[in-house]
Amino acid sequence: MSYQELAEDINDLPFKKTSLVDVTNKLPSKPPCRIFFKNEYEQPSGSFKVRGIGTLIYKEICKAREKCPSKRIHVFASSGGNAGLAAAYSAQYYQVSCTVFLPITTKPHVIKKLHSYNAKTVMCGNNIYEADKNLKRMLLEANNSVYPIYCHPFDNPAIWEGHASLVDEIYDEQIPGATANNIRGLVCSVGGGGLYNGLMKGLYRNSRSNTEILLVETNQAPTLLETVKAQKIVTLKSVNSLATSLACSYLSEQSLQNYFKSKFKTHIDSIDDQEAVRATVDFYNNFGTVVEPACGTSLSIAYNQINLLTKHFKDLSPNDIIVVVVCGGSCSTEDDIISYRRSLRNVFKL
């Protein structure tokens, strides 16, 4: 039975269908094909993360209610922001308690939003990896009356299954003047690989062998490129990028397998942090919506790195479609947009 069918037991899943918008004529330069934005910033927690983490929490709640009905369910998540917000929102949605372990560098407005979902927060460690280690140590001492649901930010098959729903929605969409065969590519930013694994699962589920994926990361957070270069999982000693949500020290093993062994072709490229910031500002100027530089990393393909489309997707025609996943994110604010504009003036002499 699919998780959609199971969801009837406790209402439904905590994420929503997001819009797929043709932005071809809204971009600063004419692209070689049609460009669509899949607007995951519309999700109730602010990013695509709620698809996967919401699905994981739902599945675990079903398991807990079946096997341990007397135990109190408690969600535990480690996160630099968006995964924790997805976990906290999903826990509130299903009326269970939640604790999020965060690095000490987490922004105050993220903590405030977590508290608005009735989540408890524990500040520990200098990065996501250290926060997660502290969470795992705590779980070893968990009270036996509690059924703990552990939420990794990206590395769990249930998370990938939830993210795959994004692809289902794209192919279910009735796009004027197009068929599914016109969708040549999906573009997303990549950190630990959870979204990538979900997109790949979605392509398999929809049998879309003609669709390719372009993964974009920043030069300052080269986790994917370094892993592919080594052809094995590596742990970077430090990742220092303005695209903080991409600053994962390692890639999931499934992502490495997807890249080398899947029948669906994957392309990789990287851009400078400032190009990601520039696209974040461009998107705000276009749509009045704040997203993170991690999201700007994929948006750069539409705004200032459009040459990467023709580099990776060959023989694009005006009828072909590239879908950019606008992953969202709640770690940036309008004050950050002002700061980004100031830094761009200094870098690009704008």
C-alpha atoms as a PDB file:
ATOM      1  CA  MET A   1       0.000   0.000   0.000  1.00  0.00           C
ATOM      2  CA  SER A   2       1.310   3.448  -0.883  1.00  0.00           C
ATOM      3  CA  TYR A   3       1.898   6.129   1.743  1.00  0.00           C
ATOM      4  CA  GLN A   4      -0.862   8.215   0.084  1.00  0.00           C
ATOM      5  CA  GLU A   5      -3.363   5.424   0.781  1.00  0.00           C
ATOM      6  CA  LEU A   6      -2.114   4.905   4.323  1.00  0.00           C
ATOM      7  CA  ALA A   7      -2.499   8.620   5.005  1.00  0.00           C
ATOM      8  CA  GLU A   8      -6.260   8.181   5.265  1.00  0.00           C
ATOM      9  CA  ASP A   9      -5.671   6.787   8.784  1.00  0.00           C
ATOM     10  CA  ILE A  10      -4.468  10.125  10.168  1.00  0.00           C
ATOM     11  CA  ASN A  11      -6.007  12.705   7.867  1.00  0.00           C
ATOM     12  CA  ASP A  12      -3.362  13.219   5.173  1.00  0.00           C
ATOM     13  CA  LEU A  13       0.286  14.115   4.646  1.00  0.00           C
ATOM     14  CA  PRO A  14       1.552  17.501   5.851  1.00  0.00           C
ATOM     15  CA  PHE A  15       2.787  18.846   2.534  1.00  0.00           C
ATOM     16  CA  LYS A  16       0.782  20.443  -0.269  1.00  0.00           C
ATOM     17  CA  LYS A  17       0.828  20.515  -4.046  1.00  0.00           C
ATOM     18  CA  THR A  18       2.888  23.483  -5.223  1.00  0.00           C
ATOM     19  CA  SER A  19       2.581  25.573  -8.354  1.00  0.00           C
ATOM     20  CA  LEU A  20       4.445  24.933 -11.606  1.00  0.00           C
ATOM     21  CA  VAL A  21       4.883  28.274 -13.342  1.00  0.00           C
ATOM     22  CA  ASP A  22       6.124  29.154 -16.827  1.00  0.00           C
ATOM     23  CA  VAL A  23       8.690  31.958 -16.328  1.00  0.00           C
ATOM     24  CA  THR A  24      10.224  31.882 -19.806  1.00  0.00           C
ATOM     25  CA  ASN A  25       9.216  35.461 -20.603  1.00  0.00           C
ATOM     26  CA  LYS A  26      10.063  36.821 -17.134  1.00  0.00           C
ATOM     27  CA  LEU A  27      13.795  36.114 -17.250  1.00  0.00           C
ATOM     28  CA  PRO A  28      16.508  38.716 -17.963  1.00  0.00           C
ATOM     29  CA  SER A  29      17.729  36.889 -21.069  1.00  0.00           C
ATOM     30  CA  LYS A  30      15.894  34.646 -23.515  1.00  0.00           C
ATOM     31  CA  PRO A  31      16.500  30.964 -22.783  1.00  0.00           C
ATOM     32  CA  PRO A  32      16.808  28.331 -25.521  1.00  0.00           C
ATOM     33  CA  CYS A  33      13.709  26.516 -24.222  1.00  0.00           C
ATOM     34  CA  ARG A  34      10.756  26.974 -21.884  1.00  0.00           C
ATOM     35  CA  ILE A  35      11.685  27.403 -18.209  1.00  0.00           C
ATOM     36  CA  PHE A  36       9.278  26.453 -15.429  1.00  0.00           C
ATOM     37  CA  PHE A  37       9.670  27.022 -11.692  1.00  0.00           C
ATOM     38  CA  LYS A  38       8.375  24.365  -9.288  1.00  0.00           C
ATOM     39  CA  ASN A  39       7.673  26.589  -6.290  1.00  0.00           C
ATOM     40  CA  GLU A  40       8.480  24.613  -3.169  1.00  0.00           C
ATOM     41  CA  TYR A  41       8.721  27.791  -1.094  1.00  0.00           C
ATOM     42  CA  GLU A  42       4.914  27.501  -1.001  1.00  0.00           C
ATOM     43  CA  GLN A  43       5.154  24.529   1.372  1.00  0.00           C
ATOM     44  CA  PRO A  44       3.789  25.281   4.867  1.00  0.00           C
ATOM     45  CA  SER A  45       7.207  24.890   6.494  1.00  0.00           C
ATOM     46  CA  GLY A  46       8.852  27.042   3.799  1.00  0.00           C
ATOM     47  CA  SER A  47      10.754  24.420   1.809  1.00  0.00           C
ATOM     48  CA  PHE A  48      10.564  21.092  -0.006  1.00  0.00           C
ATOM     49  CA  LYS A  49      11.883  19.366   3.131  1.00  0.00           C
ATOM     50  CA  VAL A  50       8.395  18.806   4.497  1.00  0.00           C
ATOM     51  CA  ARG A  51       7.630  16.380   1.662  1.00  0.00           C
ATOM     52  CA  GLY A  52      10.279  13.913   2.760  1.00  0.00           C
ATOM     53  CA  ILE A  53      10.429  14.494   6.481  1.00  0.00           C
ATOM     54  CA  GLY A  54       6.649  14.659   6.703  1.00  0.00           C
ATOM     55  CA  THR A  55       6.446  11.290   4.970  1.00  0.00           C
ATOM     56  CA  LEU A  56       9.068   9.790   7.289  1.00  0.00           C
ATOM     57  CA  ILE A  57       7.243  11.020  10.393  1.00  0.00           C
ATOM     58  CA  TYR A  58       3.915   9.778   9.067  1.00  0.00           C
ATOM     59  CA  LYS A  59       5.284   6.285   8.396  1.00  0.00           C
ATOM     60  CA  GLU A  60       6.884   6.108  11.845  1.00  0.00           C
ATOM     61  CA  ILE A  61       3.686   7.265  13.545  1.00  0.00           C
ATOM     62  CA  CYS A  62       1.791   4.468  11.781  1.00  0.00           C
ATOM     63  CA  LYS A  63       4.408   1.977  12.976  1.00  0.00           C
ATOM     64  CA  ALA A  64       4.322   3.313  16.542  1.00  0.00           C
ATOM     65  CA  ARG A  65       0.542   3.163  16.770  1.00  0.00           C
ATOM     66  CA  GLU A  66       0.547  -0.407  15.527  1.00  0.00           C
ATOM     67  CA  LYS A  67       3.471  -1.827  17.542  1.00  0.00           C
ATOM     68  CA  CYS A  68       3.731   0.394  20.641  1.00  0.00           C
ATOM     69  CA  PRO A  69       0.320   2.020  21.202  1.00  0.00           C
ATOM     70  CA  SER A  70       1.047   2.760  24.877  1.00  0.00           C
ATOM     71  CA  LYS A  71       4.211   4.754  24.188  1.00  0.00           C
ATOM     72  CA  ARG A  72       4.315   8.516  23.774  1.00  0.00           C
ATOM     73  CA  ILE A  73       5.556   9.511  20.318  1.00  0.00           C
ATOM     74  CA  HIS A  74       8.288  12.150  20.180  1.00  0.00           C
ATOM     75  CA  VAL A  75      10.025  13.470  17.047  1.00  0.00           C
ATOM     76  CA  PHE A  76      13.752  14.221  17.255  1.00  0.00           C
ATOM     77  CA  ALA A  77      15.487  16.080  14.429  1.00  0.00           C
ATOM     78  CA  SER A  78      18.934  17.499  13.769  1.00  0.00           C
ATOM     79  CA  SER A  79      19.057  20.468  11.457  1.00  0.00           C
ATOM     80  CA  GLY A  80      20.593  23.772  10.504  1.00  0.00           C
ATOM     81  CA  GLY A  81      17.087  25.101   9.887  1.00  0.00           C
ATOM     82  CA  ASN A  82      14.793  23.817   7.147  1.00  0.00           C
ATOM     83  CA  ALA A  83      14.802  20.111   8.017  1.00  0.00           C
ATOM     84  CA  GLY A  84      14.063  21.016  11.620  1.00  0.00           C
ATOM     85  CA  LEU A  85      11.228  23.301  10.562  1.00  0.00           C
ATOM     86  CA  ALA A  86       9.784  20.501   8.432  1.00  0.00           C
ATOM     87  CA  ALA A  87      10.010  18.078  11.362  1.00  0.00           C
ATOM     88  CA  ALA A  88       8.486  20.573  13.806  1.00  0.00           C
ATOM     89  CA  TYR A  89       5.638  21.481  11.458  1.00  0.00           C
ATOM     90  CA  SER A  90       4.910  17.801  10.718  1.00  0.00           C
ATOM     91  CA  ALA A  91       4.966  16.911  14.418  1.00  0.00           C
ATOM     92  CA  GLN A  92       2.507  19.711  15.159  1.00  0.00           C
ATOM     93  CA  TYR A  93       0.367  18.572  12.207  1.00  0.00           C
ATOM     94  CA  TYR A  94       0.113  15.079  13.714  1.00  0.00           C
ATOM     95  CA  GLN A  95      -0.138  16.418  17.289  1.00  0.00           C
ATOM     96  CA  VAL A  96       3.018  14.787  18.628  1.00  0.00           C
ATOM     97  CA  SER A  97       5.894  16.450  20.462  1.00  0.00           C
ATOM     98  CA  CYS A  98       9.184  17.443  18.829  1.00  0.00           C
ATOM     99  CA  THR A  99      12.743  18.433  19.780  1.00  0.00           C
ATOM    100  CA  VAL A 100      15.195  19.883  17.260  1.00  0.00           C
ATOM    101  CA  PHE A 101      18.961  19.845  17.819  1.00  0.00           C
ATOM    102  CA  LEU A 102      20.569  22.890  16.177  1.00  0.00           C
ATOM    103  CA  PRO A 103      24.089  24.265  15.707  1.00  0.00           C
ATOM    104  CA  ILE A 104      24.877  27.264  17.909  1.00  0.00           C
ATOM    105  CA  THR A 105      25.104  29.383  14.728  1.00  0.00           C
ATOM    106  CA  THR A 106      21.378  28.980  13.931  1.00  0.00           C
ATOM    107  CA  LYS A 107      19.644  32.299  13.269  1.00  0.00           C
ATOM    108  CA  PRO A 108      17.243  33.602  15.959  1.00  0.00           C
ATOM    109  CA  HIS A 109      14.279  33.904  13.581  1.00  0.00           C
ATOM    110  CA  VAL A 110      14.578  30.187  12.730  1.00  0.00           C
ATOM    111  CA  ILE A 111      14.505  29.308  16.430  1.00  0.00           C
ATOM    112  CA  LYS A 112      11.491  31.564  16.897  1.00  0.00           C
ATOM    113  CA  LYS A 113       9.666  29.829  14.052  1.00  0.00           C
ATOM    114  CA  LEU A 114      10.480  26.407  15.523  1.00  0.00           C
ATOM    115  CA  HIS A 115       8.990  27.521  18.826  1.00  0.00           C
ATOM    116  CA  SER A 116       5.869  28.715  16.985  1.00  0.00           C
ATOM    117  CA  TYR A 117       5.374  25.062  15.984  1.00  0.00           C
ATOM    118  CA  ASN A 118       5.632  24.132  19.697  1.00  0.00           C
ATOM    119  CA  ALA A 119       8.999  22.429  19.177  1.00  0.00           C
ATOM    120  CA  LYS A 120      11.692  22.383  21.829  1.00  0.00           C
ATOM    121  CA  THR A 121      15.196  23.363  20.683  1.00  0.00           C
ATOM    122  CA  VAL A 122      18.634  22.263  21.876  1.00  0.00           C
ATOM    123  CA  MET A 123      21.613  24.356  20.746  1.00  0.00           C
ATOM    124  CA  CYS A 124      24.789  22.280  20.467  1.00  0.00           C
ATOM    125  CA  GLY A 125      27.783  21.975  18.159  1.00  0.00           C
ATOM    126  CA  ASN A 126      29.228  24.259  15.521  1.00  0.00           C
ATOM    127  CA  ASN A 127      27.529  22.578  12.541  1.00  0.00           C
ATOM    128  CA  ILE A 128      24.785  20.130  11.541  1.00  0.00           C
ATOM    129  CA  TYR A 129      27.133  17.137  11.901  1.00  0.00           C
ATOM    130  CA  GLU A 130      27.967  17.980  15.523  1.00  0.00           C
ATOM    131  CA  ALA A 131      24.322  18.710  16.378  1.00  0.00           C
ATOM    132  CA  ASP A 132      23.358  15.306  14.950  1.00  0.00           C
ATOM    133  CA  LYS A 133      26.042  13.534  16.996  1.00  0.00           C
ATOM    134  CA  ASN A 134      24.654  15.104  20.166  1.00  0.00           C
ATOM    135  CA  LEU A 135      21.134  14.049  19.216  1.00  0.00           C
ATOM    136  CA  LYS A 136      22.203  10.436  18.653  1.00  0.00           C
ATOM    137  CA  ARG A 137      23.918  10.328  22.050  1.00  0.00           C
ATOM    138  CA  MET A 138      20.745  11.607  23.682  1.00  0.00           C
ATOM    139  CA  LEU A 139      18.616   8.990  21.893  1.00  0.00           C
ATOM    140  CA  LEU A 140      20.666   6.223  23.501  1.00  0.00           C
ATOM    141  CA  GLU A 141      19.410   7.459  26.862  1.00  0.00           C
ATOM    142  CA  ALA A 142      15.781   7.965  25.812  1.00  0.00           C
ATOM    143  CA  ASN A 143      13.069   7.080  28.334  1.00  0.00           C
ATOM    144  CA  ASN A 144      11.528   3.675  27.630  1.00  0.00           C
ATOM    145  CA  SER A 145       8.033   5.188  27.747  1.00  0.00           C
ATOM    146  CA  VAL A 146       8.841   7.229  24.638  1.00  0.00           C
ATOM    147  CA  TYR A 147       8.690   6.061  21.027  1.00  0.00           C
ATOM    148  CA  PRO A 148      11.406   8.214  19.395  1.00  0.00           C
ATOM    149  CA  ILE A 149      11.176   9.161  15.721  1.00  0.00           C
ATOM    150  CA  TYR A 150      14.638  10.137  14.508  1.00  0.00           C
ATOM    151  CA  CYS A 151      14.724  12.514  11.530  1.00  0.00           C
ATOM    152  CA  HIS A 152      17.998  12.822   9.674  1.00  0.00           C
ATOM    153  CA  PRO A 153      17.999  15.915   7.425  1.00  0.00           C
ATOM    154  CA  PHE A 154      18.318  13.934   4.184  1.00  0.00           C
ATOM    155  CA  ASP A 155      19.510  10.334   4.489  1.00  0.00           C
ATOM    156  CA  ASN A 156      16.490   8.027   4.741  1.00  0.00           C
ATOM    157  CA  PRO A 157      14.523   6.126   2.030  1.00  0.00           C
ATOM    158  CA  ALA A 158      11.195   7.411   3.409  1.00  0.00           C
ATOM    159  CA  ILE A 159      12.444  10.966   2.919  1.00  0.00           C
ATOM    160  CA  TRP A 160      13.317  10.253  -0.721  1.00  0.00           C
ATOM    161  CA  GLU A 161       9.905   8.677  -1.263  1.00  0.00           C
ATOM    162  CA  GLY A 162       8.259  11.864  -0.021  1.00  0.00           C
ATOM    163  CA  HIS A 163      10.413  14.057  -2.253  1.00  0.00           C
ATOM    164  CA  ALA A 164       9.447  11.901  -5.236  1.00  0.00           C
ATOM    165  CA  SER A 165       5.923  13.305  -4.953  1.00  0.00           C
ATOM    166  CA  LEU A 166       7.327  16.529  -6.430  1.00  0.00           C
ATOM    167  CA  VAL A 167       8.022  14.668  -9.688  1.00  0.00           C
ATOM    168  CA  ASP A 168       4.573  13.075  -9.619  1.00  0.00           C
ATOM    169  CA  GLU A 169       3.046  16.561  -9.524  1.00  0.00           C
ATOM    170  CA  ILE A 170       5.165  17.797 -12.425  1.00  0.00           C
ATOM    171  CA  TYR A 171       4.065  14.964 -14.694  1.00  0.00           C
ATOM    172  CA  ASP A 172       0.451  15.181 -13.576  1.00  0.00           C
ATOM    173  CA  GLU A 173       0.364  18.846 -14.576  1.00  0.00           C
ATOM    174  CA  GLN A 174      -1.504  19.752 -17.750  1.00  0.00           C
ATOM    175  CA  ILE A 175       0.993  22.111 -19.411  1.00  0.00           C
ATOM    176  CA  PRO A 176      -0.489  24.117 -22.296  1.00  0.00           C
ATOM    177  CA  GLY A 177       1.182  23.300 -25.606  1.00  0.00           C
ATOM    178  CA  ALA A 178       3.278  20.476 -24.174  1.00  0.00           C
ATOM    179  CA  THR A 179       3.323  16.807 -23.236  1.00  0.00           C
ATOM    180  CA  ALA A 180       5.425  14.938 -20.710  1.00  0.00           C
ATOM    181  CA  ASN A 181       7.919  14.179 -23.466  1.00  0.00           C
ATOM    182  CA  ASN A 182       8.736  17.881 -23.713  1.00  0.00           C
ATOM    183  CA  ILE A 183      10.194  17.875 -20.180  1.00  0.00           C
ATOM    184  CA  ARG A 184      13.903  17.490 -20.933  1.00  0.00           C
ATOM    185  CA  GLY A 185      15.380  18.233 -17.556  1.00  0.00           C
ATOM    186  CA  LEU A 186      15.015  18.903 -13.841  1.00  0.00           C
ATOM    187  CA  VAL A 187      17.404  21.316 -12.126  1.00  0.00           C
ATOM    188  CA  CYS A 188      18.023  21.377  -8.385  1.00  0.00           C
ATOM    189  CA  SER A 189      20.662  22.444  -5.917  1.00  0.00           C
ATOM    190  CA  VAL A 190      22.409  19.694  -3.972  1.00  0.00           C
ATOM    191  CA  GLY A 191      23.785  19.391  -0.467  1.00  0.00           C
ATOM    192  CA  GLY A 192      23.471  15.936   1.092  1.00  0.00           C
ATOM    193  CA  GLY A 193      21.524  14.523  -1.851  1.00  0.00           C
ATOM    194  CA  GLY A 194      18.066  13.938  -0.353  1.00  0.00           C
ATOM    195  CA  LEU A 195      16.210  15.961  -2.978  1.00  0.00           C
ATOM    196  CA  TYR A 196      18.273  14.408  -5.776  1.00  0.00           C
ATOM    197  CA  ASN A 197      17.423  10.904  -4.551  1.00  0.00           C
ATOM    198  CA  GLY A 198      13.752  11.842  -4.493  1.00  0.00           C
ATOM    199  CA  LEU A 199      13.823  13.260  -8.020  1.00  0.00           C
ATOM    200  CA  MET A 200      15.505  10.096  -9.241  1.00  0.00           C
ATOM    201  CA  LYS A 201      12.902   7.929  -7.513  1.00  0.00           C
ATOM    202  CA  GLY A 202      10.173  10.056  -9.076  1.00  0.00           C
ATOM    203  CA  LEU A 203      11.615   9.627 -12.576  1.00  0.00           C
ATOM    204  CA  TYR A 204      11.649   5.848 -12.119  1.00  0.00           C
ATOM    205  CA  ARG A 205       8.094   5.904 -10.794  1.00  0.00           C
ATOM    206  CA  ASN A 206       6.893   7.901 -13.792  1.00  0.00           C
ATOM    207  CA  SER A 207       9.045   6.008 -16.347  1.00  0.00           C
ATOM    208  CA  ARG A 208      10.539   9.240 -17.710  1.00  0.00           C
ATOM    209  CA  SER A 209      13.759   7.953 -19.288  1.00  0.00           C
ATOM    210  CA  ASN A 210      14.051  11.003 -21.576  1.00  0.00           C
ATOM    211  CA  THR A 211      14.400  13.404 -18.618  1.00  0.00           C
ATOM    212  CA  GLU A 212      17.841  14.288 -17.267  1.00  0.00           C
ATOM    213  CA  ILE A 213      18.856  15.961 -13.992  1.00  0.00           C
ATOM    214  CA  LEU A 214      21.260  18.855 -13.492  1.00  0.00           C
ATOM    215  CA  LEU A 215      22.624  19.183  -9.961  1.00  0.00           C
ATOM    216  CA  VAL A 216      24.156  22.522  -8.983  1.00  0.00           C
ATOM    217  CA  GLU A 217      26.301  23.253  -5.938  1.00  0.00           C
ATOM    218  CA  THR A 218      28.560  26.144  -4.974  1.00  0.00           C
ATOM    219  CA  ASN A 219      32.326  26.155  -5.325  1.00  0.00           C
ATOM    220  CA  GLN A 220      32.484  26.802  -1.589  1.00  0.00           C
ATOM    221  CA  ALA A 221      30.412  23.675  -0.768  1.00  0.00           C
ATOM    222  CA  PRO A 222      31.836  21.060  -3.187  1.00  0.00           C
ATOM    223  CA  THR A 223      30.556  17.953  -1.406  1.00  0.00           C
ATOM    224  CA  LEU A 224      29.090  16.340  -4.527  1.00  0.00           C
ATOM    225  CA  LEU A 225      31.984  17.068  -6.863  1.00  0.00           C
ATOM    226  CA  GLU A 226      34.562  15.857  -4.345  1.00  0.00           C
ATOM    227  CA  THR A 227      32.587  12.663  -3.726  1.00  0.00           C
ATOM    228  CA  VAL A 228      32.164  11.902  -7.430  1.00  0.00           C
ATOM    229  CA  LYS A 229      35.842  12.628  -8.000  1.00  0.00           C
ATOM    230  CA  ALA A 230      36.803  10.140  -5.270  1.00  0.00           C
ATOM    231  CA  GLN A 231      34.083   7.673  -6.379  1.00  0.00           C
ATOM    232  CA  LYS A 232      33.371   6.994  -2.712  1.00  0.00           C
ATOM    233  CA  ILE A 233      31.803   8.801   0.237  1.00  0.00           C
ATOM    234  CA  VAL A 234      34.166  11.404   1.640  1.00  0.00           C
ATOM    235  CA  THR A 235      33.702  13.688   4.627  1.00  0.00           C
ATOM    236  CA  LEU A 236      34.865  17.249   4.101  1.00  0.00           C
ATOM    237  CA  LYS A 237      36.677  18.763   7.075  1.00  0.00           C
ATOM    238  CA  SER A 238      34.913  22.081   6.628  1.00  0.00           C
ATOM    239  CA  VAL A 239      32.256  23.522   4.331  1.00  0.00           C
ATOM    240  CA  ASN A 240      32.029  27.310   4.369  1.00  0.00           C
ATOM    241  CA  SER A 241      29.432  28.636   1.973  1.00  0.00           C
ATOM    242  CA  LEU A 242      26.881  31.441   1.960  1.00  0.00           C
ATOM    243  CA  ALA A 243      24.487  28.739   0.765  1.00  0.00           C
ATOM    244  CA  THR A 244      24.411  27.367   4.302  1.00  0.00           C
ATOM    245  CA  SER A 245      21.703  24.781   3.647  1.00  0.00           C
ATOM    246  CA  LEU A 246      24.026  23.102   1.122  1.00  0.00           C
ATOM    247  CA  ALA A 247      26.915  22.976   3.596  1.00  0.00           C
ATOM    248  CA  CYS A 248      26.768  19.209   4.209  1.00  0.00           C
ATOM    249  CA  SER A 249      30.028  17.502   5.055  1.00  0.00           C
ATOM    250  CA  TYR A 250      29.072  14.301   3.241  1.00  0.00           C
ATOM    251  CA  LEU A 251      26.779  12.976   0.496  1.00  0.00           C
ATOM    252  CA  SER A 252      24.347  10.105   0.954  1.00  0.00           C
ATOM    253  CA  GLU A 253      25.533   6.756  -0.383  1.00  0.00           C
ATOM    254  CA  GLN A 254      22.337   6.482  -2.448  1.00  0.00           C
ATOM    255  CA  SER A 255      23.214   9.702  -4.272  1.00  0.00           C
ATOM    256  CA  LEU A 256      26.574   8.276  -5.260  1.00  0.00           C
ATOM    257  CA  GLN A 257      24.880   5.120  -6.541  1.00  0.00           C
ATOM    258  CA  ASN A 258      22.316   7.174  -8.444  1.00  0.00           C
ATOM    259  CA  TYR A 259      25.017   9.176 -10.166  1.00  0.00           C
ATOM    260  CA  PHE A 260      27.098   6.235 -11.330  1.00  0.00           C
ATOM    261  CA  LYS A 261      24.531   3.464 -11.816  1.00  0.00           C
ATOM    262  CA  SER A 262      21.157   4.949 -12.693  1.00  0.00           C
ATOM    263  CA  LYS A 263      19.797   4.767 -16.234  1.00  0.00           C
ATOM    264  CA  PHE A 264      18.767   8.408 -15.840  1.00  0.00           C
ATOM    265  CA  LYS A 265      21.565  10.780 -16.769  1.00  0.00           C
ATOM    266  CA  THR A 266      22.810  13.233 -14.155  1.00  0.00           C
ATOM    267  CA  HIS A 267      24.892  16.333 -14.874  1.00  0.00           C
ATOM    268  CA  ILE A 268      26.853  18.282 -12.251  1.00  0.00           C
ATOM    269  CA  ASP A 269      28.056  21.863 -12.203  1.00  0.00           C
ATOM    270  CA  SER A 270      29.101  24.435  -9.625  1.00  0.00           C
ATOM    271  CA  ILE A 271      28.881  28.190  -9.317  1.00  0.00           C
ATOM    272  CA  ASP A 272      30.379  30.788  -7.010  1.00  0.00           C
ATOM    273  CA  ASP A 273      28.519  31.749  -3.836  1.00  0.00           C
ATOM    274  CA  GLN A 274      27.991  35.259  -5.166  1.00  0.00           C
ATOM    275  CA  GLU A 275      26.190  33.954  -8.256  1.00  0.00           C
ATOM    276  CA  ALA A 276      23.818  32.059  -5.961  1.00  0.00           C
ATOM    277  CA  VAL A 277      23.237  35.232  -3.950  1.00  0.00           C
ATOM    278  CA  ARG A 278      22.689  37.193  -7.162  1.00  0.00           C
ATOM    279  CA  ALA A 279      19.964  34.769  -8.289  1.00  0.00           C
ATOM    280  CA  THR A 280      18.366  34.958  -4.840  1.00  0.00           C
ATOM    281  CA  VAL A 281      18.079  38.732  -5.244  1.00  0.00           C
ATOM    282  CA  ASP A 282      16.876  38.422  -8.856  1.00  0.00           C
ATOM    283  CA  PHE A 283      14.134  36.047  -7.745  1.00  0.00           C
ATOM    284  CA  TYR A 284      13.078  38.442  -4.995  1.00  0.00           C
ATOM    285  CA  ASN A 285      12.992  41.303  -7.505  1.00  0.00           C
ATOM    286  CA  ASN A 286      10.826  39.206  -9.838  1.00  0.00           C
ATOM    287  CA  PHE A 287       8.411  37.646  -7.390  1.00  0.00           C
ATOM    288  CA  GLY A 288       8.770  39.471  -4.053  1.00  0.00           C
ATOM    289  CA  THR A 289       9.588  36.201  -2.272  1.00  0.00           C
ATOM    290  CA  VAL A 290      12.627  35.569  -0.075  1.00  0.00           C
ATOM    291  CA  VAL A 291      14.465  32.295  -0.603  1.00  0.00           C
ATOM    292  CA  GLU A 292      17.920  31.207   0.535  1.00  0.00           C
ATOM    293  CA  PRO A 293      21.177  31.262  -1.463  1.00  0.00           C
ATOM    294  CA  ALA A 294      20.913  27.469  -1.396  1.00  0.00           C
ATOM    295  CA  CYS A 295      17.799  27.937  -3.528  1.00  0.00           C
ATOM    296  CA  GLY A 296      19.520  30.679  -5.531  1.00  0.00           C
ATOM    297  CA  THR A 297      22.074  28.058  -6.537  1.00  0.00           C
ATOM    298  CA  SER A 298      19.542  26.302  -8.762  1.00  0.00           C
ATOM    299  CA  LEU A 299      17.830  29.575  -9.722  1.00  0.00           C
ATOM    300  CA  SER A 300      21.138  30.841 -11.143  1.00  0.00           C
ATOM    301  CA  ILE A 301      20.559  28.518 -14.101  1.00  0.00           C
ATOM    302  CA  ALA A 302      17.602  30.698 -15.079  1.00  0.00           C
ATOM    303  CA  TYR A 303      19.049  34.097 -14.142  1.00  0.00           C
ATOM    304  CA  ASN A 304      22.807  34.371 -14.604  1.00  0.00           C
ATOM    305  CA  GLN A 305      24.196  30.976 -15.614  1.00  0.00           C
ATOM    306  CA  ILE A 306      21.884  30.174 -18.492  1.00  0.00           C
ATOM    307  CA  ASN A 307      24.835  28.981 -20.568  1.00  0.00           C
ATOM    308  CA  LEU A 308      24.880  25.883 -18.357  1.00  0.00           C
ATOM    309  CA  LEU A 309      21.594  24.788 -19.920  1.00  0.00           C
ATOM    310  CA  THR A 310      23.081  24.422 -23.388  1.00  0.00           C
ATOM    311  CA  LYS A 311      26.264  22.984 -21.879  1.00  0.00           C
ATOM    312  CA  HIS A 312      24.441  20.061 -20.265  1.00  0.00           C
ATOM    313  CA  PHE A 313      21.161  19.671 -22.179  1.00  0.00           C
ATOM    314  CA  LYS A 314      22.005  19.171 -25.850  1.00  0.00           C
ATOM    315  CA  ASP A 315      19.895  20.355 -28.790  1.00  0.00           C
ATOM    316  CA  LEU A 316      17.286  22.219 -26.757  1.00  0.00           C
ATOM    317  CA  SER A 317      14.362  23.481 -28.806  1.00  0.00           C
ATOM    318  CA  PRO A 318      11.826  26.243 -27.985  1.00  0.00           C
ATOM    319  CA  ASN A 319       9.253  23.542 -27.184  1.00  0.00           C
ATOM    320  CA  ASP A 320      11.482  21.727 -24.690  1.00  0.00           C
ATOM    321  CA  ILE A 321      10.941  22.336 -20.975  1.00  0.00           C
ATOM    322  CA  ILE A 322      13.431  22.618 -18.128  1.00  0.00           C
ATOM    323  CA  VAL A 323      11.950  22.605 -14.621  1.00  0.00           C
ATOM    324  CA  VAL A 324      13.921  24.388 -11.901  1.00  0.00           C
ATOM    325  CA  VAL A 325      13.063  23.273  -8.374  1.00  0.00           C
ATOM    326  CA  VAL A 326      12.692  26.457  -6.313  1.00  0.00           C
ATOM    327  CA  CYS A 327      13.414  24.645  -3.065  1.00  0.00           C
ATOM    328  CA  GLY A 328      12.659  27.632  -0.818  1.00  0.00           C
ATOM    329  CA  GLY A 329      14.132  27.884   2.666  1.00  0.00           C
ATOM    330  CA  SER A 330      13.442  29.937   5.772  1.00  0.00           C
ATOM    331  CA  CYS A 331      16.964  30.873   6.838  1.00  0.00           C
ATOM    332  CA  SER A 332      17.001  34.194   4.934  1.00  0.00           C
ATOM    333  CA  THR A 333      14.905  37.315   5.542  1.00  0.00           C
ATOM    334  CA  GLU A 334      14.224  40.614   3.782  1.00  0.00           C
ATOM    335  CA  ASP A 335      17.050  42.116   5.863  1.00  0.00           C
ATOM    336  CA  ASP A 336      19.331  39.534   4.282  1.00  0.00           C
ATOM    337  CA  ILE A 337      18.155  40.595   0.818  1.00  0.00           C
ATOM    338  CA  ILE A 338      19.275  44.152   1.646  1.00  0.00           C
ATOM    339  CA  SER A 339      22.643  42.793   2.770  1.00  0.00           C
ATOM    340  CA  TYR A 340      22.940  40.631  -0.359  1.00  0.00           C
ATOM    341  CA  ARG A 341      22.297  43.659  -2.585  1.00  0.00           C
ATOM    342  CA  ARG A 342      25.036  45.570  -0.810  1.00  0.00           C
ATOM    343  CA  SER A 343      27.553  42.768  -1.257  1.00  0.00           C
ATOM    344  CA  LEU A 344      26.613  42.358  -4.929  1.00  0.00           C
ATOM    345  CA  ARG A 345      27.265  46.044  -5.570  1.00  0.00           C
ATOM    346  CA  ASN A 346      30.756  45.556  -4.201  1.00  0.00           C
ATOM    347  CA  VAL A 347      31.468  42.341  -6.134  1.00  0.00           C
ATOM    348  CA  PHE A 348      29.816  43.104  -9.484  1.00  0.00           C
ATOM    349  CA  LYS A 349      29.951  46.908  -9.338  1.00  0.00           C
ATOM    350  CA  LEU A 350      26.179  47.009  -9.837  1.00  0.00           C
END
